[in-house]
């Protein structure tokens, strides 16, 4: 069956599409409480999700942007909770400063240990990550158990992440894990409520790496 439409895209140029999208986001969002640097993250989160409510719900520790940029420029490792986050992050910009993006959730030793302890792979992956990526950026978009385990390890002094991007999506413990993160006095980026996910974590990291790159 041949479907026809009279609709024509306003542009097919990628850069123009992005620029126009950003203008539309700024106009529709209107007044907001974010700093210019925080807004760079929020704008990309909205661009990735088309969700203004999600964008408005973003929360930033006062040192989050600075800490994220410094970690990237220092070549610190970025830890993703799942492969979807790892794949979406712009690795050339991270590699430019000597960093890389790792995900541990499917490592054989992680799967074996999770099975032995009858717990989630996300929890065990965080325990492994803190041994190999101290001072790095932890980007958690899917697993509330990973975020809660990281929070526990921070409280106990076993983990010292440079920045925690904690934006897991879901119904079981997602909102609560983000509430707990927002109580910590460490650099974090999070949001209020159940919304979140891989695109939010990816957009946050990519916004930070763009800011890091612009510093030369």
C-alpha atoms as a PDB file:
ATOM      1  CA  UNK A   1       0.000   0.000   0.000  1.00  0.00           C
ATOM      2  CA  UNK A   2       1.366   3.398  -0.996  1.00  0.00           C
ATOM      3  CA  UNK A   3       1.013   6.058   1.696  1.00  0.00           C
ATOM      4  CA  UNK A   4       1.429   9.662   0.671  1.00  0.00           C
ATOM      5  CA  UNK A   5       1.771  12.802   2.734  1.00  0.00           C
ATOM      6  CA  UNK A   6       2.040  16.474   1.978  1.00  0.00           C
ATOM      7  CA  UNK A   7       4.157  17.093   5.074  1.00  0.00           C
ATOM      8  CA  UNK A   8       7.684  18.297   4.414  1.00  0.00           C
ATOM      9  CA  UNK A   9      10.349  18.619   7.136  1.00  0.00           C
ATOM     10  CA  UNK A  10      11.444  22.153   7.909  1.00  0.00           C
ATOM     11  CA  UNK A  11      15.026  21.075   7.369  1.00  0.00           C
ATOM     12  CA  UNK A  12      17.000  17.901   6.915  1.00  0.00           C
ATOM     13  CA  UNK A  13      20.313  19.404   8.064  1.00  0.00           C
ATOM     14  CA  UNK A  14      21.318  17.841  11.419  1.00  0.00           C
ATOM     15  CA  UNK A  15      22.894  20.990  12.871  1.00  0.00           C
ATOM     16  CA  UNK A  16      19.884  23.103  11.891  1.00  0.00           C
ATOM     17  CA  UNK A  17      17.492  20.553  13.400  1.00  0.00           C
ATOM     18  CA  UNK A  18      19.361  20.650  16.710  1.00  0.00           C
ATOM     19  CA  UNK A  19      19.628  24.434  16.770  1.00  0.00           C
ATOM     20  CA  UNK A  20      15.952  24.872  16.000  1.00  0.00           C
ATOM     21  CA  UNK A  21      15.037  22.289  18.633  1.00  0.00           C
ATOM     22  CA  UNK A  22      17.071  24.143  21.237  1.00  0.00           C
ATOM     23  CA  UNK A  23      15.393  27.449  20.354  1.00  0.00           C
ATOM     24  CA  UNK A  24      11.972  25.836  20.713  1.00  0.00           C
ATOM     25  CA  UNK A  25      12.938  24.329  24.072  1.00  0.00           C
ATOM     26  CA  UNK A  26      14.141  27.682  25.397  1.00  0.00           C
ATOM     27  CA  UNK A  27      10.967  29.444  24.255  1.00  0.00           C
ATOM     28  CA  UNK A  28       8.624  26.806  25.661  1.00  0.00           C
ATOM     29  CA  UNK A  29      10.445  26.315  28.955  1.00  0.00           C
ATOM     30  CA  UNK A  30      10.399  30.031  29.746  1.00  0.00           C
ATOM     31  CA  UNK A  31      11.726  31.227  33.091  1.00  0.00           C
ATOM     32  CA  UNK A  32      13.615  28.656  35.135  1.00  0.00           C
ATOM     33  CA  UNK A  33      15.830  28.511  38.241  1.00  0.00           C
ATOM     34  CA  UNK A  34      18.899  26.991  36.585  1.00  0.00           C
ATOM     35  CA  UNK A  35      22.288  28.613  36.058  1.00  0.00           C
ATOM     36  CA  UNK A  36      23.562  28.851  32.480  1.00  0.00           C
ATOM     37  CA  UNK A  37      25.760  25.792  32.992  1.00  0.00           C
ATOM     38  CA  UNK A  38      22.971  23.773  34.600  1.00  0.00           C
ATOM     39  CA  UNK A  39      20.630  24.798  31.810  1.00  0.00           C
ATOM     40  CA  UNK A  40      23.041  23.315  29.269  1.00  0.00           C
ATOM     41  CA  UNK A  41      22.321  19.946  30.898  1.00  0.00           C
ATOM     42  CA  UNK A  42      18.580  20.546  31.283  1.00  0.00           C
ATOM     43  CA  UNK A  43      18.251  21.623  27.660  1.00  0.00           C
ATOM     44  CA  UNK A  44      19.853  18.407  26.426  1.00  0.00           C
ATOM     45  CA  UNK A  45      17.736  16.329  28.796  1.00  0.00           C
ATOM     46  CA  UNK A  46      14.575  17.893  27.360  1.00  0.00           C
ATOM     47  CA  UNK A  47      15.936  17.485  23.841  1.00  0.00           C
ATOM     48  CA  UNK A  48      16.500  13.772  24.480  1.00  0.00           C
ATOM     49  CA  UNK A  49      13.137  13.155  26.148  1.00  0.00           C
ATOM     50  CA  UNK A  50      10.764  15.846  24.791  1.00  0.00           C
ATOM     51  CA  UNK A  51       9.628  16.069  28.411  1.00  0.00           C
ATOM     52  CA  UNK A  52       9.507  19.544  29.953  1.00  0.00           C
ATOM     53  CA  UNK A  53       8.225  18.229  33.274  1.00  0.00           C
ATOM     54  CA  UNK A  54      11.295  16.036  33.511  1.00  0.00           C
ATOM     55  CA  UNK A  55      13.534  18.958  32.629  1.00  0.00           C
ATOM     56  CA  UNK A  56      11.999  21.160  35.303  1.00  0.00           C
ATOM     57  CA  UNK A  57      12.459  18.385  37.890  1.00  0.00           C
ATOM     58  CA  UNK A  58      16.261  18.306  37.536  1.00  0.00           C
ATOM     59  CA  UNK A  59      18.292  18.917  40.690  1.00  0.00           C
ATOM     60  CA  UNK A  60      21.958  19.931  40.873  1.00  0.00           C
ATOM     61  CA  UNK A  61      24.419  19.975  43.728  1.00  0.00           C
ATOM     62  CA  UNK A  62      26.104  23.372  43.756  1.00  0.00           C
ATOM     63  CA  UNK A  63      29.419  21.839  42.671  1.00  0.00           C
ATOM     64  CA  UNK A  64      28.013  19.337  40.147  1.00  0.00           C
ATOM     65  CA  UNK A  65      28.896  21.098  36.903  1.00  0.00           C
ATOM     66  CA  UNK A  66      32.388  22.074  38.020  1.00  0.00           C
ATOM     67  CA  UNK A  67      33.080  18.573  39.346  1.00  0.00           C
ATOM     68  CA  UNK A  68      31.844  16.916  36.176  1.00  0.00           C
ATOM     69  CA  UNK A  69      33.917  19.099  33.887  1.00  0.00           C
ATOM     70  CA  UNK A  70      37.011  18.639  36.048  1.00  0.00           C
ATOM     71  CA  UNK A  71      36.581  14.856  36.107  1.00  0.00           C
ATOM     72  CA  UNK A  72      36.268  14.701  32.317  1.00  0.00           C
ATOM     73  CA  UNK A  73      39.245  16.990  31.726  1.00  0.00           C
ATOM     74  CA  UNK A  74      41.307  14.946  34.195  1.00  0.00           C
ATOM     75  CA  UNK A  75      40.611  11.801  32.173  1.00  0.00           C
ATOM     76  CA  UNK A  76      38.605  10.110  34.896  1.00  0.00           C
ATOM     77  CA  UNK A  77      36.592   7.017  34.027  1.00  0.00           C
ATOM     78  CA  UNK A  78      32.871   7.293  33.415  1.00  0.00           C
ATOM     79  CA  UNK A  79      30.926   4.351  34.821  1.00  0.00           C
ATOM     80  CA  UNK A  80      27.609   3.513  33.147  1.00  0.00           C
ATOM     81  CA  UNK A  81      25.129   1.264  34.903  1.00  0.00           C
ATOM     82  CA  UNK A  82      24.025  -0.416  31.646  1.00  0.00           C
ATOM     83  CA  UNK A  83      25.225  -0.742  28.055  1.00  0.00           C
ATOM     84  CA  UNK A  84      22.532   1.650  26.773  1.00  0.00           C
ATOM     85  CA  UNK A  85      24.158   4.479  28.705  1.00  0.00           C
ATOM     86  CA  UNK A  86      27.636   3.478  27.617  1.00  0.00           C
ATOM     87  CA  UNK A  87      26.658   3.372  23.931  1.00  0.00           C
ATOM     88  CA  UNK A  88      24.986   6.791  23.974  1.00  0.00           C
ATOM     89  CA  UNK A  89      27.873   8.729  25.509  1.00  0.00           C
ATOM     90  CA  UNK A  90      30.119  10.562  23.015  1.00  0.00           C
ATOM     91  CA  UNK A  91      33.310   8.616  23.600  1.00  0.00           C
ATOM     92  CA  UNK A  92      35.602  10.673  21.312  1.00  0.00           C
ATOM     93  CA  UNK A  93      35.076  13.728  23.521  1.00  0.00           C
ATOM     94  CA  UNK A  94      35.833  11.662  26.634  1.00  0.00           C
ATOM     95  CA  UNK A  95      38.856  10.021  25.005  1.00  0.00           C
ATOM     96  CA  UNK A  96      40.203  13.440  24.015  1.00  0.00           C
ATOM     97  CA  UNK A  97      41.118  13.937  27.679  1.00  0.00           C
ATOM     98  CA  UNK A  98      42.308  10.380  28.244  1.00  0.00           C
ATOM     99  CA  UNK A  99      39.114   8.999  29.758  1.00  0.00           C
ATOM    100  CA  UNK A 100      36.930   6.064  28.866  1.00  0.00           C
ATOM    101  CA  UNK A 101      33.410   4.769  29.506  1.00  0.00           C
ATOM    102  CA  UNK A 102      33.008   1.451  31.288  1.00  0.00           C
ATOM    103  CA  UNK A 103      30.099  -0.775  32.190  1.00  0.00           C
ATOM    104  CA  UNK A 104      30.476  -3.766  34.484  1.00  0.00           C
ATOM    105  CA  UNK A 105      26.988  -5.242  34.753  1.00  0.00           C
ATOM    106  CA  UNK A 106      27.615  -8.048  32.238  1.00  0.00           C
ATOM    107  CA  UNK A 107      31.120  -8.961  33.393  1.00  0.00           C
ATOM    108  CA  UNK A 108      31.339 -12.702  34.134  1.00  0.00           C
ATOM    109  CA  UNK A 109      32.704 -12.155  37.647  1.00  0.00           C
ATOM    110  CA  UNK A 110      29.874  -9.716  38.395  1.00  0.00           C
ATOM    111  CA  UNK A 111      27.221 -12.159  37.201  1.00  0.00           C
ATOM    112  CA  UNK A 112      28.794 -14.999  39.166  1.00  0.00           C
ATOM    113  CA  UNK A 113      29.025 -12.978  42.381  1.00  0.00           C
ATOM    114  CA  UNK A 114      25.459 -11.696  42.053  1.00  0.00           C
ATOM    115  CA  UNK A 115      24.214 -15.249  41.670  1.00  0.00           C
ATOM    116  CA  UNK A 116      26.267 -16.446  44.627  1.00  0.00           C
ATOM    117  CA  UNK A 117      24.975 -13.674  46.884  1.00  0.00           C
ATOM    118  CA  UNK A 118      21.424 -13.800  45.457  1.00  0.00           C
ATOM    119  CA  UNK A 119      21.435 -10.085  44.705  1.00  0.00           C
ATOM    120  CA  UNK A 120      21.294  -7.862  41.630  1.00  0.00           C
ATOM    121  CA  UNK A 121      24.108  -7.563  39.122  1.00  0.00           C
ATOM    122  CA  UNK A 122      23.685  -3.780  39.402  1.00  0.00           C
ATOM    123  CA  UNK A 123      24.733  -3.867  43.057  1.00  0.00           C
ATOM    124  CA  UNK A 124      27.766  -6.047  42.424  1.00  0.00           C
ATOM    125  CA  UNK A 125      28.785  -3.964  39.407  1.00  0.00           C
ATOM    126  CA  UNK A 126      28.926  -0.854  41.580  1.00  0.00           C
ATOM    127  CA  UNK A 127      31.109  -2.641  44.117  1.00  0.00           C
ATOM    128  CA  UNK A 128      33.509  -3.519  41.321  1.00  0.00           C
ATOM    129  CA  UNK A 129      33.351  -0.052  39.784  1.00  0.00           C
ATOM    130  CA  UNK A 130      34.417   1.783  42.916  1.00  0.00           C
ATOM    131  CA  UNK A 131      37.603  -0.287  42.982  1.00  0.00           C
ATOM    132  CA  UNK A 132      38.490   0.632  39.397  1.00  0.00           C
ATOM    133  CA  UNK A 133      37.006   4.102  38.871  1.00  0.00           C
ATOM    134  CA  UNK A 134      37.529   6.073  42.063  1.00  0.00           C
ATOM    135  CA  UNK A 135      36.960   9.778  41.443  1.00  0.00           C
ATOM    136  CA  UNK A 136      35.103   9.122  38.216  1.00  0.00           C
ATOM    137  CA  UNK A 137      31.599   9.984  37.039  1.00  0.00           C
ATOM    138  CA  UNK A 138      28.907   7.415  37.804  1.00  0.00           C
ATOM    139  CA  UNK A 139      26.034   7.688  35.309  1.00  0.00           C
ATOM    140  CA  UNK A 140      23.057   5.650  36.510  1.00  0.00           C
ATOM    141  CA  UNK A 141      19.947   5.760  34.335  1.00  0.00           C
ATOM    142  CA  UNK A 142      18.222   2.457  34.922  1.00  0.00           C
ATOM    143  CA  UNK A 143      19.049   0.667  38.158  1.00  0.00           C
ATOM    144  CA  UNK A 144      17.850   2.171  41.445  1.00  0.00           C
ATOM    145  CA  UNK A 145      19.637  -0.652  43.274  1.00  0.00           C
ATOM    146  CA  UNK A 146      22.918   0.513  41.753  1.00  0.00           C
ATOM    147  CA  UNK A 147      22.301   4.066  42.933  1.00  0.00           C
ATOM    148  CA  UNK A 148      21.301   2.951  46.422  1.00  0.00           C
ATOM    149  CA  UNK A 149      24.412   0.778  46.689  1.00  0.00           C
ATOM    150  CA  UNK A 150      26.615   3.671  45.587  1.00  0.00           C
ATOM    151  CA  UNK A 151      24.951   5.921  48.169  1.00  0.00           C
ATOM    152  CA  UNK A 152      25.601   3.302  50.865  1.00  0.00           C
ATOM    153  CA  UNK A 153      29.253   3.035  49.896  1.00  0.00           C
ATOM    154  CA  UNK A 154      29.640   6.830  49.893  1.00  0.00           C
ATOM    155  CA  UNK A 155      28.127   7.052  53.372  1.00  0.00           C
ATOM    156  CA  UNK A 156      30.477   4.352  54.634  1.00  0.00           C
ATOM    157  CA  UNK A 157      33.495   6.112  53.135  1.00  0.00           C
ATOM    158  CA  UNK A 158      34.260   3.317  50.678  1.00  0.00           C
ATOM    159  CA  UNK A 159      33.368   5.274  47.528  1.00  0.00           C
ATOM    160  CA  UNK A 160      34.504   8.743  46.505  1.00  0.00           C
ATOM    161  CA  UNK A 161      32.962   9.486  43.104  1.00  0.00           C
ATOM    162  CA  UNK A 162      33.801  12.743  41.394  1.00  0.00           C
ATOM    163  CA  UNK A 163      30.170  13.143  40.325  1.00  0.00           C
ATOM    164  CA  UNK A 164      27.054  11.000  40.576  1.00  0.00           C
ATOM    165  CA  UNK A 165      24.472  11.340  37.821  1.00  0.00           C
ATOM    166  CA  UNK A 166      21.603   9.429  39.391  1.00  0.00           C
ATOM    167  CA  UNK A 167      18.507   9.430  37.203  1.00  0.00           C
ATOM    168  CA  UNK A 168      17.070   5.889  37.275  1.00  0.00           C
ATOM    169  CA  UNK A 169      13.617   5.437  35.781  1.00  0.00           C
ATOM    170  CA  UNK A 170      10.937   3.190  37.209  1.00  0.00           C
ATOM    171  CA  UNK A 171       8.375   2.457  39.871  1.00  0.00           C
ATOM    172  CA  UNK A 172      10.268   0.437  42.489  1.00  0.00           C
ATOM    173  CA  UNK A 173      12.730   2.567  44.478  1.00  0.00           C
ATOM    174  CA  UNK A 174      13.519   4.935  41.588  1.00  0.00           C
ATOM    175  CA  UNK A 175      12.112   8.118  43.111  1.00  0.00           C
ATOM    176  CA  UNK A 176      13.276   7.120  46.587  1.00  0.00           C
ATOM    177  CA  UNK A 177      16.864   6.458  45.470  1.00  0.00           C
ATOM    178  CA  UNK A 178      17.037   9.938  43.960  1.00  0.00           C
ATOM    179  CA  UNK A 179      15.679  11.476  47.143  1.00  0.00           C
ATOM    180  CA  UNK A 180      18.479   9.765  49.067  1.00  0.00           C
ATOM    181  CA  UNK A 181      21.093  10.984  46.603  1.00  0.00           C
ATOM    182  CA  UNK A 182      19.900  14.570  46.975  1.00  0.00           C
ATOM    183  CA  UNK A 183      20.595  14.345  50.724  1.00  0.00           C
ATOM    184  CA  UNK A 184      24.309  13.709  50.202  1.00  0.00           C
ATOM    185  CA  UNK A 185      26.845  16.502  50.279  1.00  0.00           C
ATOM    186  CA  UNK A 186      28.702  15.302  47.218  1.00  0.00           C
ATOM    187  CA  UNK A 187      28.428  16.540  43.623  1.00  0.00           C
ATOM    188  CA  UNK A 188      25.312  15.059  42.041  1.00  0.00           C
ATOM    189  CA  UNK A 189      22.845  15.548  39.221  1.00  0.00           C
ATOM    190  CA  UNK A 190      19.430  13.980  39.702  1.00  0.00           C
ATOM    191  CA  UNK A 191      15.730  14.657  39.318  1.00  0.00           C
ATOM    192  CA  UNK A 192      12.538  14.384  41.300  1.00  0.00           C
ATOM    193  CA  UNK A 193      10.146  11.510  40.713  1.00  0.00           C
ATOM    194  CA  UNK A 194       9.916   8.314  38.690  1.00  0.00           C
ATOM    195  CA  UNK A 195      11.035   9.690  35.347  1.00  0.00           C
ATOM    196  CA  UNK A 196      14.588   9.382  34.083  1.00  0.00           C
ATOM    197  CA  UNK A 197      16.362   6.669  32.134  1.00  0.00           C
ATOM    198  CA  UNK A 198      19.312   6.057  29.837  1.00  0.00           C
ATOM    199  CA  UNK A 199      18.634   9.093  27.590  1.00  0.00           C
ATOM    200  CA  UNK A 200      18.725  11.393  30.622  1.00  0.00           C
ATOM    201  CA  UNK A 201      21.999   9.967  31.905  1.00  0.00           C
ATOM    202  CA  UNK A 202      23.510  10.129  28.421  1.00  0.00           C
ATOM    203  CA  UNK A 203      22.329  13.694  27.803  1.00  0.00           C
ATOM    204  CA  UNK A 204      23.809  14.821  31.117  1.00  0.00           C
ATOM    205  CA  UNK A 205      27.235  13.326  30.411  1.00  0.00           C
ATOM    206  CA  UNK A 206      27.279  14.636  26.844  1.00  0.00           C
ATOM    207  CA  UNK A 207      26.375  18.139  27.991  1.00  0.00           C
ATOM    208  CA  UNK A 208      29.252  18.072  30.473  1.00  0.00           C
ATOM    209  CA  UNK A 209      31.725  16.782  27.889  1.00  0.00           C
ATOM    210  CA  UNK A 210      30.720  19.551  25.478  1.00  0.00           C
ATOM    211  CA  UNK A 211      31.359  22.143  28.193  1.00  0.00           C
ATOM    212  CA  UNK A 212      34.709  20.488  28.957  1.00  0.00           C
ATOM    213  CA  UNK A 213      35.656  20.548  25.265  1.00  0.00           C
ATOM    214  CA  UNK A 214      34.789  24.228  24.854  1.00  0.00           C
ATOM    215  CA  UNK A 215      37.374  25.106  27.489  1.00  0.00           C
ATOM    216  CA  UNK A 216      40.004  23.969  24.995  1.00  0.00           C
END
